[in-house]
All heavy atoms as atom14 arrays in JSON, in Angstrom:
{
  "sequence": "VKGFGRQKGHTELYRGAEYVVDFLPKVKIEVVVSSDKQEAVIEAI",
  "atom14_mask": [
    [1, 1, 1, 1, 1, 1, 1, 0, 0, 0, 0, 0, 0, 0],
    [1, 1, 1, 1, 1, 1, 1, 1, 1, 0, 0, 0, 0, 0],
    [1, 1, 1, 1, 0, 0, 0, 0, 0, 0, 0, 0, 0, 0],
    [1, 1, 1, 1, 1, 1, 1, 1, 1, 1, 1, 0, 0, 0],
    [1, 1, 1, 1, 0, 0, 0, 0, 0, 0, 0, 0, 0, 0],
    [1, 1, 1, 1, 1, 1, 1, 1, 1, 1, 1, 0, 0, 0],
    [1, 1, 1, 1, 1, 1, 1, 1, 1, 0, 0, 0, 0, 0],
    [1, 1, 1, 1, 1, 1, 1, 1, 1, 0, 0, 0, 0, 0],
    [1, 1, 1, 1, 0, 0, 0, 0, 0, 0, 0, 0, 0, 0],
    [1, 1, 1, 1, 1, 1, 1, 1, 1, 1, 0, 0, 0, 0],
    [1, 1, 1, 1, 1, 1, 1, 0, 0, 0, 0, 0, 0, 0],
    [1, 1, 1, 1, 1, 1, 1, 1, 1, 0, 0, 0, 0, 0],
    [1, 1, 1, 1, 1, 1, 1, 1, 0, 0, 0, 0, 0, 0],
    [1, 1, 1, 1, 1, 1, 1, 1, 1, 1, 1, 1, 0, 0],
    [1, 1, 1, 1, 1, 1, 1, 1, 1, 1, 1, 0, 0, 0],
    [1, 1, 1, 1, 0, 0, 0, 0, 0, 0, 0, 0, 0, 0],
    [1, 1, 1, 1, 1, 0, 0, 0, 0, 0, 0, 0, 0, 0],
    [1, 1, 1, 1, 1, 1, 1, 1, 1, 0, 0, 0, 0, 0],
    [1, 1, 1, 1, 1, 1, 1, 1, 1, 1, 1, 1, 0, 0],
    [1, 1, 1, 1, 1, 1, 1, 0, 0, 0, 0, 0, 0, 0],
    [1, 1, 1, 1, 1, 1, 1, 0, 0, 0, 0, 0, 0, 0],
    [1, 1, 1, 1, 1, 1, 1, 1, 0, 0, 0, 0, 0, 0],
    [1, 1, 1, 1, 1, 1, 1, 1, 1, 1, 1, 0, 0, 0],
    [1, 1, 1, 1, 1, 1, 1, 1, 0, 0, 0, 0, 0, 0],
    [1, 1, 1, 1, 1, 1, 1, 0, 0, 0, 0, 0, 0, 0],
    [1, 1, 1, 1, 1, 1, 1, 1, 1, 0, 0, 0, 0, 0],
    [1, 1, 1, 1, 1, 1, 1, 0, 0, 0, 0, 0, 0, 0],
    [1, 1, 1, 1, 1, 1, 1, 1, 1, 0, 0, 0, 0, 0],
    [1, 1, 1, 1, 1, 1, 1, 1, 0, 0, 0, 0, 0, 0],
    [1, 1, 1, 1, 1, 1, 1, 1, 1, 0, 0, 0, 0, 0],
    [1, 1, 1, 1, 1, 1, 1, 0, 0, 0, 0, 0, 0, 0],
    [1, 1, 1, 1, 1, 1, 1, 0, 0, 0, 0, 0, 0, 0],
    [1, 1, 1, 1, 1, 1, 1, 0, 0, 0, 0, 0, 0, 0],
    [1, 1, 1, 1, 1, 1, 0, 0, 0, 0, 0, 0, 0, 0],
    [1, 1, 1, 1, 1, 1, 0, 0, 0, 0, 0, 0, 0, 0],
    [1, 1, 1, 1, 1, 1, 1, 1, 0, 0, 0, 0, 0, 0],
    [1, 1, 1, 1, 1, 1, 1, 1, 1, 0, 0, 0, 0, 0],
    [1, 1, 1, 1, 1, 1, 1, 1, 1, 0, 0, 0, 0, 0],
    [1, 1, 1, 1, 1, 1, 1, 1, 1, 0, 0, 0, 0, 0],
    [1, 1, 1, 1, 1, 0, 0, 0, 0, 0, 0, 0, 0, 0],
    [1, 1, 1, 1, 1, 1, 1, 0, 0, 0, 0, 0, 0, 0],
    [1, 1, 1, 1, 1, 1, 1, 1, 0, 0, 0, 0, 0, 0],
    [1, 1, 1, 1, 1, 1, 1, 1, 1, 0, 0, 0, 0, 0],
    [1, 1, 1, 1, 1, 0, 0, 0, 0, 0, 0, 0, 0, 0],
    [1, 1, 1, 1, 1, 1, 1, 1, 0, 0, 0, 0, 0, 0]
  ],
  "atom14_positions": [
    [[0.84, -1.17, -0.02], [-0.01, 0.0, 0.0], [0.87, 1.25, 0.01], [2.09, 1.17, 0.2], [-0.94, 0.01, 1.23], [-1.94, -1.15, 1.14], [-0.19, -0.03, 2.52], [0.0, 0.0, 0.0], [0.0, 0.0, 0.0], [0.0, 0.0, 0.0], [0.0, 0.0, 0.0], [0.0, 0.0, 0.0], [0.0, 0.0, 0.0], [0.0, 0.0, 0.0]],
    [[0.25, 2.4, -0.19], [0.97, 3.66, -0.11], [0.16, 4.57, 0.76], [-1.09, 4.52, 0.79], [1.11, 4.3, -1.49], [2.06, 3.56, -2.38], [2.24, 4.29, -3.7], [3.2, 3.5, -4.58], [3.53, 4.28, -5.79], [0.0, 0.0, 0.0], [0.0, 0.0, 0.0], [0.0, 0.0, 0.0], [0.0, 0.0, 0.0], [0.0, 0.0, 0.0]],
    [[0.81, 5.43, 1.52], [0.07, 6.38, 2.38], [1.05, 7.25, 3.14], [2.27, 7.19, 2.94], [0.0, 0.0, 0.0], [0.0, 0.0, 0.0], [0.0, 0.0, 0.0], [0.0, 0.0, 0.0], [0.0, 0.0, 0.0], [0.0, 0.0, 0.0], [0.0, 0.0, 0.0], [0.0, 0.0, 0.0], [0.0, 0.0, 0.0], [0.0, 0.0, 0.0]],
    [[0.5, 8.06, 4.01], [1.35, 8.87, 4.88], [0.54, 9.24, 6.11], [-0.68, 9.21, 6.14], [1.83, 10.17, 4.17], [0.73, 11.15, 3.83], [0.38, 12.13, 4.75], [0.07, 11.07, 2.63], [-0.61, 13.05, 4.42], [-0.96, 11.99, 2.32], [-1.29, 12.96, 3.25], [0.0, 0.0, 0.0], [0.0, 0.0, 0.0], [0.0, 0.0, 0.0]],
    [[1.28, 9.57, 7.15], [0.71, 10.03, 8.41], [1.4, 11.31, 8.77], [1.45, 12.27, 8.0], [0.0, 0.0, 0.0], [0.0, 0.0, 0.0], [0.0, 0.0, 0.0], [0.0, 0.0, 0.0], [0.0, 0.0, 0.0], [0.0, 0.0, 0.0], [0.0, 0.0, 0.0], [0.0, 0.0, 0.0], [0.0, 0.0, 0.0], [0.0, 0.0, 0.0]],
    [[2.04, 11.33, 9.91], [2.79, 12.5, 10.33], [3.98, 12.77, 9.5], [4.51, 13.86, 9.46], [3.19, 12.35, 11.81], [2.03, 12.39, 12.73], [2.49, 12.38, 14.16], [1.34, 12.43, 15.04], [1.4, 12.08, 16.28], [2.52, 11.65, 16.81], [0.3, 12.11, 17.05], [0.0, 0.0, 0.0], [0.0, 0.0, 0.0], [0.0, 0.0, 0.0]],
    [[4.48, 11.75, 8.78], [5.64, 11.94, 7.9], [5.38, 12.97, 6.82], [6.26, 13.69, 6.4], [6.01, 10.6, 7.21], [6.83, 9.69, 8.05], [7.08, 8.4, 7.28], [6.15, 7.63, 7.06], [8.29, 8.18, 6.87], [0.0, 0.0, 0.0], [0.0, 0.0, 0.0], [0.0, 0.0, 0.0], [0.0, 0.0, 0.0], [0.0, 0.0, 0.0]],
    [[4.18, 12.99, 6.29], [3.75, 13.88, 5.24], [4.61, 13.77, 3.97], [4.77, 14.74, 3.22], [3.77, 15.35, 5.75], [2.95, 15.55, 6.97], [1.81, 16.47, 6.68], [1.07, 17.0, 7.89], [0.78, 16.11, 8.94], [0.0, 0.0, 0.0], [0.0, 0.0, 0.0], [0.0, 0.0, 0.0], [0.0, 0.0, 0.0], [0.0, 0.0, 0.0]],
    [[5.17, 12.62, 3.72], [5.97, 12.47, 2.5], [7.33, 13.14, 2.63], [7.76, 13.54, 3.68], [0.0, 0.0, 0.0], [0.0, 0.0, 0.0], [0.0, 0.0, 0.0], [0.0, 0.0, 0.0], [0.0, 0.0, 0.0], [0.0, 0.0, 0.0], [0.0, 0.0, 0.0], [0.0, 0.0, 0.0], [0.0, 0.0, 0.0], [0.0, 0.0, 0.0]],
    [[8.03, 13.29, 1.51], [9.31, 13.92, 1.5], [9.64, 14.49, 0.11], [8.94, 14.18, -0.88], [10.41, 12.95, 1.95], [10.56, 11.77, 1.09], [9.76, 10.66, 1.16], [11.45, 11.52, 0.09], [10.12, 9.77, 0.27], [11.13, 10.23, -0.42], [0.0, 0.0, 0.0], [0.0, 0.0, 0.0], [0.0, 0.0, 0.0], [0.0, 0.0, 0.0]],
    [[10.69, 15.27, 0.0], [11.07, 15.87, -1.27], [12.28, 15.11, -1.83], [13.19, 14.71, -1.12], [11.47, 17.35, -1.04], [10.39, 18.0, -0.43], [11.78, 18.04, -2.36], [0.0, 0.0, 0.0], [0.0, 0.0, 0.0], [0.0, 0.0, 0.0], [0.0, 0.0, 0.0], [0.0, 0.0, 0.0], [0.0, 0.0, 0.0], [0.0, 0.0, 0.0]],
    [[12.25, 14.86, -3.14], [13.36, 14.2, -3.81], [13.8, 15.0, -4.98], [13.05, 15.82, -5.53], [12.9, 12.8, -4.24], [12.78, 11.8, -3.11], [12.6, 10.39, -3.6], [12.69, 10.1, -4.84], [12.4, 9.53, -2.75], [0.0, 0.0, 0.0], [0.0, 0.0, 0.0], [0.0, 0.0, 0.0], [0.0, 0.0, 0.0], [0.0, 0.0, 0.0]],
    [[15.02, 14.73, -5.43], [15.59, 15.4, -6.6], [15.73, 14.38, -7.71], [16.32, 13.32, -7.51], [16.97, 15.98, -6.24], [17.48, 17.11, -7.13], [16.54, 18.28, -7.09], [18.86, 17.53, -6.59], [0.0, 0.0, 0.0], [0.0, 0.0, 0.0], [0.0, 0.0, 0.0], [0.0, 0.0, 0.0], [0.0, 0.0, 0.0], [0.0, 0.0, 0.0]],
    [[15.21, 14.63, -8.89], [15.31, 13.73, -10.0], [15.67, 14.52, -11.29], [14.89, 15.41, -11.68], [14.0, 12.98, -10.23], [13.99, 12.01, -11.39], [14.75, 10.81, -11.33], [13.31, 12.3, -12.55], [14.78, 9.94, -12.39], [13.34, 11.42, -13.63], [14.09, 10.25, -13.54], [14.13, 9.38, -14.6], [0.0, 0.0, 0.0], [0.0, 0.0, 0.0]],
    [[16.79, 14.25, -11.83], [17.28, 14.95, -13.04], [17.24, 16.48, -12.87], [16.77, 17.2, -13.76], [16.53, 14.52, -14.29], [16.81, 13.07, -14.65], [16.21, 12.73, -15.97], [16.52, 11.31, -16.3], [16.15, 10.75, -17.4], [15.41, 11.36, -18.28], [16.48, 9.48, -17.63], [0.0, 0.0, 0.0], [0.0, 0.0, 0.0], [0.0, 0.0, 0.0]],
    [[17.64, 16.93, -11.74], [17.71, 18.32, -11.47], [16.41, 19.0, -11.05], [16.37, 20.15, -10.68], [0.0, 0.0, 0.0], [0.0, 0.0, 0.0], [0.0, 0.0, 0.0], [0.0, 0.0, 0.0], [0.0, 0.0, 0.0], [0.0, 0.0, 0.0], [0.0, 0.0, 0.0], [0.0, 0.0, 0.0], [0.0, 0.0, 0.0], [0.0, 0.0, 0.0]],
    [[15.31, 18.23, -11.12], [14.03, 18.81, -10.71], [13.62, 18.25, -9.34], [13.77, 17.06, -9.09], [12.96, 18.44, -11.75], [0.0, 0.0, 0.0], [0.0, 0.0, 0.0], [0.0, 0.0, 0.0], [0.0, 0.0, 0.0], [0.0, 0.0, 0.0], [0.0, 0.0, 0.0], [0.0, 0.0, 0.0], [0.0, 0.0, 0.0], [0.0, 0.0, 0.0]],
    [[13.11, 19.11, -8.54], [12.66, 18.72, -7.18], [11.18, 18.35, -7.24], [10.41, 19.1, -7.87], [12.93, 19.88, -6.22], [12.78, 19.49, -4.78], [13.21, 20.64, -3.85], [14.41, 20.77, -3.57], [12.33, 21.38, -3.42], [0.0, 0.0, 0.0], [0.0, 0.0, 0.0], [0.0, 0.0, 0.0], [0.0, 0.0, 0.0], [0.0, 0.0, 0.0]],
    [[10.82, 17.3, -6.63], [9.4, 16.95, -6.59], [9.08, 16.31, -5.2], [9.94, 15.82, -4.52], [9.01, 16.02, -7.72], [9.63, 14.62, -7.67], [8.92, 13.58, -7.2], [10.92, 14.42, -8.12], [9.47, 12.29, -7.15], [11.51, 13.15, -8.1], [10.77, 12.1, -7.58], [11.32, 10.87, -7.55], [0.0, 0.0, 0.0], [0.0, 0.0, 0.0]],
    [[7.79, 16.39, -4.89], [7.34, 15.91, -3.57], [6.75, 14.5, -3.74], [5.94, 14.28, -4.64], [6.28, 16.86, -2.97], [5.74, 16.31, -1.67], [6.87, 18.23, -2.77], [0.0, 0.0, 0.0], [0.0, 0.0, 0.0], [0.0, 0.0, 0.0], [0.0, 0.0, 0.0], [0.0, 0.0, 0.0], [0.0, 0.0, 0.0], [0.0, 0.0, 0.0]],
    [[7.18, 13.58, -2.89], [6.62, 12.25, -2.83], [5.63, 12.25, -1.68], [6.02, 12.25, -0.51], [7.74, 11.17, -2.59], [7.1, 9.79, -2.48], [8.77, 11.22, -3.71], [0.0, 0.0, 0.0], [0.0, 0.0, 0.0], [0.0, 0.0, 0.0], [0.0, 0.0, 0.0], [0.0, 0.0, 0.0], [0.0, 0.0, 0.0], [0.0, 0.0, 0.0]],
    [[4.34, 12.35, -2.01], [3.29, 12.46, -0.98], [3.0, 11.11, -0.32], [2.83, 11.05, 0.89], [2.0, 12.98, -1.59], [2.12, 14.44, -1.95], [2.88, 15.17, -1.32], [1.41, 14.86, -2.92], [0.0, 0.0, 0.0], [0.0, 0.0, 0.0], [0.0, 0.0, 0.0], [0.0, 0.0, 0.0], [0.0, 0.0, 0.0], [0.0, 0.0, 0.0]],
    [[2.94, 10.08, -1.11], [2.54, 8.78, -0.6], [3.77, 7.86, -0.49], [4.45, 7.61, -1.49], [1.48, 8.11, -1.48], [0.21, 8.91, -1.48], [-0.11, 9.73, -2.53], [-0.68, 8.8, -0.43], [-1.27, 10.46, -2.53], [-1.85, 9.53, -0.39], [-2.15, 10.37, -1.46], [0.0, 0.0, 0.0], [0.0, 0.0, 0.0], [0.0, 0.0, 0.0]],
    [[4.03, 7.36, 0.69], [5.19, 6.53, 0.95], [4.81, 5.04, 0.84], [3.7, 4.65, 1.26], [5.79, 6.82, 2.33], [6.21, 8.29, 2.51], [6.55, 8.56, 3.97], [7.37, 8.61, 1.6], [0.0, 0.0, 0.0], [0.0, 0.0, 0.0], [0.0, 0.0, 0.0], [0.0, 0.0, 0.0], [0.0, 0.0, 0.0], [0.0, 0.0, 0.0]],
    [[5.7, 4.21, 0.35], [5.36, 2.77, 0.29], [5.3, 2.16, 1.65], [6.17, 2.39, 2.52], [6.53, 2.18, -0.54], [7.63, 3.13, -0.4], [7.02, 4.49, -0.16], [0.0, 0.0, 0.0], [0.0, 0.0, 0.0], [0.0, 0.0, 0.0], [0.0, 0.0, 0.0], [0.0, 0.0, 0.0], [0.0, 0.0, 0.0], [0.0, 0.0, 0.0]],
    [[4.27, 1.37, 1.91], [4.04, 0.68, 3.18], [3.55, -0.74, 2.84], [3.24, -1.06, 1.71], [3.03, 1.39, 4.04], [3.35, 2.81, 4.41], [4.46, 2.86, 5.45], [4.76, 4.3, 5.83], [5.81, 4.41, 6.79], [0.0, 0.0, 0.0], [0.0, 0.0, 0.0], [0.0, 0.0, 0.0], [0.0, 0.0, 0.0], [0.0, 0.0, 0.0]],
    [[3.46, -1.55, 3.87], [2.9, -2.9, 3.76], [1.79, -3.05, 4.78], [1.98, -2.67, 5.93], [3.99, -3.97, 3.97], [3.39, -5.36, 4.06], [5.05, -3.91, 2.89], [0.0, 0.0, 0.0], [0.0, 0.0, 0.0], [0.0, 0.0, 0.0], [0.0, 0.0, 0.0], [0.0, 0.0, 0.0], [0.0, 0.0, 0.0], [0.0, 0.0, 0.0]],
    [[0.65, -3.58, 4.33], [-0.48, -3.81, 5.26], [-0.56, -5.32, 5.51], [-0.65, -6.08, 4.55], [-1.78, -3.27, 4.71], [-2.94, -3.59, 5.66], [-4.18, -2.76, 5.33], [-4.93, -3.28, 4.2], [-6.29, -2.68, 4.06], [0.0, 0.0, 0.0], [0.0, 0.0, 0.0], [0.0, 0.0, 0.0], [0.0, 0.0, 0.0], [0.0, 0.0, 0.0]],
    [[-0.52, -5.68, 6.78], [-0.66, -7.1, 7.15], [-2.04, -7.26, 7.85], [-2.39, -6.46, 8.73], [0.43, -7.49, 8.15], [1.82, -7.33, 7.51], [0.23, -8.93, 8.65], [2.94, -7.48, 8.45], [0.0, 0.0, 0.0], [0.0, 0.0, 0.0], [0.0, 0.0, 0.0], [0.0, 0.0, 0.0], [0.0, 0.0, 0.0], [0.0, 0.0, 0.0]],
    [[-2.78, -8.21, 7.43], [-4.09, -8.5, 8.02], [-4.12, -9.92, 8.59], [-3.68, -10.87, 7.92], [-5.21, -8.39, 6.96], [-5.32, -6.97, 6.42], [-6.31, -6.91, 5.28], [-7.52, -6.7, 5.56], [-5.89, -7.12, 4.11], [0.0, 0.0, 0.0], [0.0, 0.0, 0.0], [0.0, 0.0, 0.0], [0.0, 0.0, 0.0], [0.0, 0.0, 0.0]],
    [[-4.53, -10.03, 9.89], [-4.55, -11.32, 10.55], [-5.86, -11.39, 11.32], [-6.27, -10.42, 11.96], [-3.39, -11.4, 11.56], [-3.41, -12.71, 12.32], [-2.06, -11.21, 10.87], [0.0, 0.0, 0.0], [0.0, 0.0, 0.0], [0.0, 0.0, 0.0], [0.0, 0.0, 0.0], [0.0, 0.0, 0.0], [0.0, 0.0, 0.0], [0.0, 0.0, 0.0]],
    [[-6.51, -12.55, 11.29], [-7.69, -12.75, 12.13], [-7.33, -13.83, 13.19], [-6.83, -14.92, 12.84], [-8.89, -13.24, 11.28], [-10.09, -13.55, 12.21], [-9.29, -12.17, 10.27], [0.0, 0.0, 0.0], [0.0, 0.0, 0.0], [0.0, 0.0, 0.0], [0.0, 0.0, 0.0], [0.0, 0.0, 0.0], [0.0, 0.0, 0.0], [0.0, 0.0, 0.0]],
    [[-7.49, -13.49, 14.45], [-7.09, -14.36, 15.51], [-8.23, -14.43, 16.53], [-9.1, -13.57, 16.6], [-5.82, -13.92, 16.24], [-4.63, -13.95, 15.27], [-5.95, -12.52, 16.79], [0.0, 0.0, 0.0], [0.0, 0.0, 0.0], [0.0, 0.0, 0.0], [0.0, 0.0, 0.0], [0.0, 0.0, 0.0], [0.0, 0.0, 0.0], [0.0, 0.0, 0.0]],
    [[-8.17, -15.48, 17.41], [-9.15, -15.56, 18.47], [-8.79, -14.44, 19.49], [-7.66, -13.99, 19.57], [-9.09, -16.92, 19.16], [-7.8, -17.18, 19.61], [0.0, 0.0, 0.0], [0.0, 0.0, 0.0], [0.0, 0.0, 0.0], [0.0, 0.0, 0.0], [0.0, 0.0, 0.0], [0.0, 0.0, 0.0], [0.0, 0.0, 0.0], [0.0, 0.0, 0.0]],
    [[-9.81, -13.99, 20.19], [-9.65, -12.84, 21.1], [-8.53, -13.02, 22.13], [-7.88, -12.07, 22.54], [-10.97, -12.52, 21.77], [-11.92, -12.14, 20.81], [0.0, 0.0, 0.0], [0.0, 0.0, 0.0], [0.0, 0.0, 0.0], [0.0, 0.0, 0.0], [0.0, 0.0, 0.0], [0.0, 0.0, 0.0], [0.0, 0.0, 0.0], [0.0, 0.0, 0.0]],
    [[-8.34, -14.27, 22.55], [-7.31, -14.52, 23.59], [-5.88, -14.36, 23.05], [-4.95, -14.19, 23.84], [-7.48, -15.89, 24.26], [-7.44, -17.03, 23.24], [-7.87, -16.85, 22.09], [-6.93, -18.08, 23.61], [0.0, 0.0, 0.0], [0.0, 0.0, 0.0], [0.0, 0.0, 0.0], [0.0, 0.0, 0.0], [0.0, 0.0, 0.0], [0.0, 0.0, 0.0]],
    [[-5.69, -14.36, 21.73], [-4.36, -14.16, 21.15], [-4.09, -12.73, 20.78], [-2.98, -12.4, 20.39], [-4.21, -15.02, 19.89], [-3.97, -16.46, 20.13], [-3.65, -17.14, 18.78], [-3.28, -18.59, 18.98], [-2.95, -19.25, 17.71], [0.0, 0.0, 0.0], [0.0, 0.0, 0.0], [0.0, 0.0, 0.0], [0.0, 0.0, 0.0], [0.0, 0.0, 0.0]],
    [[-5.06, -11.89, 20.91], [-4.96, -10.5, 20.45], [-3.75, -9.76, 20.99], [-2.97, -9.19, 20.23], [-6.25, -9.74, 20.82], [-6.18, -8.26, 20.52], [-7.45, -7.55, 21.01], [-8.51, -8.13, 21.13], [-7.32, -6.25, 21.24], [0.0, 0.0, 0.0], [0.0, 0.0, 0.0], [0.0, 0.0, 0.0], [0.0, 0.0, 0.0], [0.0, 0.0, 0.0]],
    [[-3.57, -9.76, 22.28], [-2.48, -8.99, 22.91], [-1.1, -9.56, 22.51], [-0.17, -8.79, 22.25], [-2.6, -8.95, 24.46], [-3.78, -8.08, 24.92], [-3.74, -6.66, 24.35], [-2.66, -6.02, 24.31], [-4.81, -6.17, 23.93], [0.0, 0.0, 0.0], [0.0, 0.0, 0.0], [0.0, 0.0, 0.0], [0.0, 0.0, 0.0], [0.0, 0.0, 0.0]],
    [[-0.95, -10.86, 22.41], [0.31, -11.47, 22.02], [0.66, -11.11, 20.57], [1.82, -10.8, 20.26], [0.26, -12.99, 22.16], [0.0, 0.0, 0.0], [0.0, 0.0, 0.0], [0.0, 0.0, 0.0], [0.0, 0.0, 0.0], [0.0, 0.0, 0.0], [0.0, 0.0, 0.0], [0.0, 0.0, 0.0], [0.0, 0.0, 0.0], [0.0, 0.0, 0.0]],
    [[-0.33, -11.06, 19.72], [-0.1, -10.73, 18.32], [0.3, -9.22, 18.2], [1.27, -8.9, 17.5], [-1.35, -11.02, 17.46], [-1.24, -10.4, 16.07], [-1.57, -12.5, 17.38], [0.0, 0.0, 0.0], [0.0, 0.0, 0.0], [0.0, 0.0, 0.0], [0.0, 0.0, 0.0], [0.0, 0.0, 0.0], [0.0, 0.0, 0.0], [0.0, 0.0, 0.0]],
    [[-0.39, -8.34, 18.9], [-0.05, -6.94, 18.88], [1.37, -6.71, 19.4], [2.13, -5.98, 18.78], [-1.09, -6.13, 19.67], [-2.44, -6.14, 18.97], [-0.62, -4.66, 19.88], [-3.57, -5.55, 19.75], [0.0, 0.0, 0.0], [0.0, 0.0, 0.0], [0.0, 0.0, 0.0], [0.0, 0.0, 0.0], [0.0, 0.0, 0.0], [0.0, 0.0, 0.0]],
    [[1.68, -7.33, 20.47], [3.01, -7.2, 21.08], [4.1, -7.69, 20.11], [5.15, -7.05, 19.96], [3.05, -7.94, 22.39], [4.34, -7.73, 23.17], [4.29, -8.46, 24.51], [3.28, -8.37, 25.21], [5.3, -9.11, 24.84], [0.0, 0.0, 0.0], [0.0, 0.0, 0.0], [0.0, 0.0, 0.0], [0.0, 0.0, 0.0], [0.0, 0.0, 0.0]],
    [[3.85, -8.78, 19.44], [4.81, -9.32, 18.49], [5.01, -8.38, 17.31], [6.17, -8.13, 16.91], [4.34, -10.7, 17.98], [0.0, 0.0, 0.0], [0.0, 0.0, 0.0], [0.0, 0.0, 0.0], [0.0, 0.0, 0.0], [0.0, 0.0, 0.0], [0.0, 0.0, 0.0], [0.0, 0.0, 0.0], [0.0, 0.0, 0.0], [0.0, 0.0, 0.0]],
    [[3.95, -7.79, 16.81], [4.09, -6.84, 15.69], [4.86, -5.62, 16.13], [5.77, -5.15, 15.43], [2.68, -6.45, 15.15], [2.01, -7.67, 14.5], [2.82, -5.29, 14.14], [0.56, -7.44, 14.15], [0.0, 0.0, 0.0], [0.0, 0.0, 0.0], [0.0, 0.0, 0.0], [0.0, 0.0, 0.0], [0.0, 0.0, 0.0], [0.0, 0.0, 0.0]]
  ]
}
């Protein structure tokens, strides 16, 4: 996925031109677990 939070992207230089990268590359992980495993999974992540 791509997105941003407080980072708000960053500025890069390409062939002498400056441009803003608004959306940063991220990875979204989705897991479904029983409620008793919830805290252990969050802590591990």
